[in-house]
Amino acid sequence: MTSAPQPSNDASSVDVSGDPVRLRRAAIDHWTKLAKRVGYLSFGVSIVAVFTGLATSFTPLIGELATGGLVVGSVLLAPSIVLGYAIKAAEKEDRLNGN
């Protein structure tokens, strides 16, 4: 017995040719993924800065790096995570409706 192939949950694997809504959704998905990468990288910079400060001396520069990483990461990640889930839900809805 073989099971029916399951559609991919990845929005980038959807054929977007000719459909302006799916084209726009794919563009938003691209920018959302980029924002997630930069946001998580910012959190990583913040973590490294804090541990560097704890291991050596906690200078104002290290404090600014840690704070800046948290702020940038939070500002980028919050909307990008929500938009990522919204795009996945919209693609799932389109697949269920046969679009």
Protein backbone atom coordinates (compact mmCIF):
# COMPACT_ATOMS: atom_id res chain seq x y z
CA MET A 1 0.00 0.00 0.00
CA THR A 2 1.27 3.40 -0.87
CA SER A 3 -0.14 6.55 0.55
CA ALA A 4 -1.12 9.54 -1.50
CA PRO A 5 1.61 12.20 -1.75
CA GLN A 6 1.17 14.97 0.74
CA PRO A 7 1.43 18.59 -0.41
CA SER A 8 4.39 20.53 0.84
CA ASN A 9 3.93 23.04 3.65
CA ASP A 10 6.60 25.26 2.09
CA ALA A 11 5.05 28.32 0.44
CA SER A 12 8.02 28.59 -1.94
CA SER A 13 7.09 25.27 -3.63
CA VAL A 14 3.75 26.62 -4.90
CA ASP A 15 3.34 27.51 -8.57
CA VAL A 16 2.78 31.27 -8.54
CA SER A 17 2.78 31.93 -12.27
CA GLY A 18 -0.01 34.27 -13.30
CA ASP A 19 -1.69 34.65 -9.91
CA PRO A 20 -0.99 38.09 -8.41
CA VAL A 21 -2.11 37.02 -4.93
CA ARG A 22 0.29 34.09 -4.87
CA LEU A 23 3.07 36.23 -6.34
CA ARG A 24 2.60 38.76 -3.57
CA ARG A 25 2.41 36.00 -0.97
CA ALA A 26 5.67 34.49 -2.27
CA ALA A 27 7.37 37.90 -2.05
CA ILE A 28 6.16 38.36 1.53
CA ASP A 29 7.34 34.83 2.34
CA HIS A 30 10.81 35.66 1.01
CA TRP A 31 11.10 38.83 3.13
CA THR A 32 9.66 37.03 6.15
CA LYS A 33 12.33 34.33 5.94
CA LEU A 34 15.05 36.97 5.60
CA ALA A 35 13.71 38.88 8.63
CA LYS A 36 13.70 35.65 10.66
CA ARG A 37 17.33 34.96 9.78
CA VAL A 38 18.44 38.48 10.70
CA GLY A 39 16.33 38.43 13.88
CA TYR A 40 17.78 35.16 15.11
CA LEU A 41 21.27 36.36 14.18
CA SER A 42 20.65 39.50 16.27
CA PHE A 43 19.66 37.35 19.25
CA GLY A 44 22.83 35.32 18.70
CA VAL A 45 24.94 38.49 18.73
CA SER A 46 23.25 39.53 21.95
CA ILE A 47 23.94 36.17 23.61
CA VAL A 48 27.58 36.17 22.52
CA ALA A 49 27.97 39.74 23.79
CA VAL A 50 26.55 38.86 27.21
CA PHE A 51 28.76 35.79 27.62
CA THR A 52 31.78 37.74 26.41
CA GLY A 53 31.00 40.41 28.99
CA LEU A 54 30.64 37.83 31.73
CA ALA A 55 33.91 36.13 30.79
CA THR A 56 35.91 39.35 30.49
CA SER A 57 34.85 42.80 31.61
CA PHE A 58 31.37 44.08 30.93
CA THR A 59 32.07 47.31 29.04
CA PRO A 60 29.44 49.78 27.79
CA LEU A 61 30.06 48.56 24.22
CA ILE A 62 29.18 45.00 25.20
CA GLY A 63 26.06 46.25 26.95
CA GLU A 64 25.04 48.19 23.85
CA LEU A 65 25.62 45.16 21.63
CA ALA A 66 23.55 42.97 23.93
CA THR A 67 20.72 45.49 24.15
CA GLY A 68 20.81 46.30 20.44
CA GLY A 69 20.71 42.62 19.51
CA LEU A 70 17.66 42.05 21.69
CA VAL A 71 15.84 45.10 20.35
CA VAL A 72 16.55 44.38 16.68
CA GLY A 73 15.75 40.69 17.10
CA SER A 74 12.45 41.41 18.83
CA VAL A 75 11.38 44.02 16.29
CA LEU A 76 12.14 41.71 13.36
CA LEU A 77 11.03 38.37 14.76
CA ALA A 78 7.62 39.24 16.17
CA PRO A 79 5.97 40.27 12.88
CA SER A 80 7.93 37.80 10.75
CA ILE A 81 6.81 34.81 12.82
CA VAL A 82 3.17 35.93 12.67
CA LEU A 83 3.37 36.57 8.91
CA GLY A 84 5.06 33.20 8.38
CA TYR A 85 2.18 31.39 10.06
CA ALA A 86 -0.35 33.50 8.13
CA ILE A 87 1.27 32.59 4.81
CA LYS A 88 1.32 28.89 5.69
CA ALA A 89 -2.35 29.04 6.70
CA ALA A 90 -3.32 30.86 3.50
CA GLU A 91 -1.48 28.31 1.34
CA LYS A 92 -3.11 25.45 3.24
CA GLU A 93 -6.52 27.06 2.74
CA ASP A 94 -5.84 27.45 -0.99
CA ARG A 95 -4.82 23.78 -1.28
CA LEU A 96 -7.95 22.65 0.58
CA ASN A 97 -10.16 24.74 -1.70
CA GLY A 98 -8.42 23.45 -4.81
CA ASN A 99 -6.85 26.75 -5.83
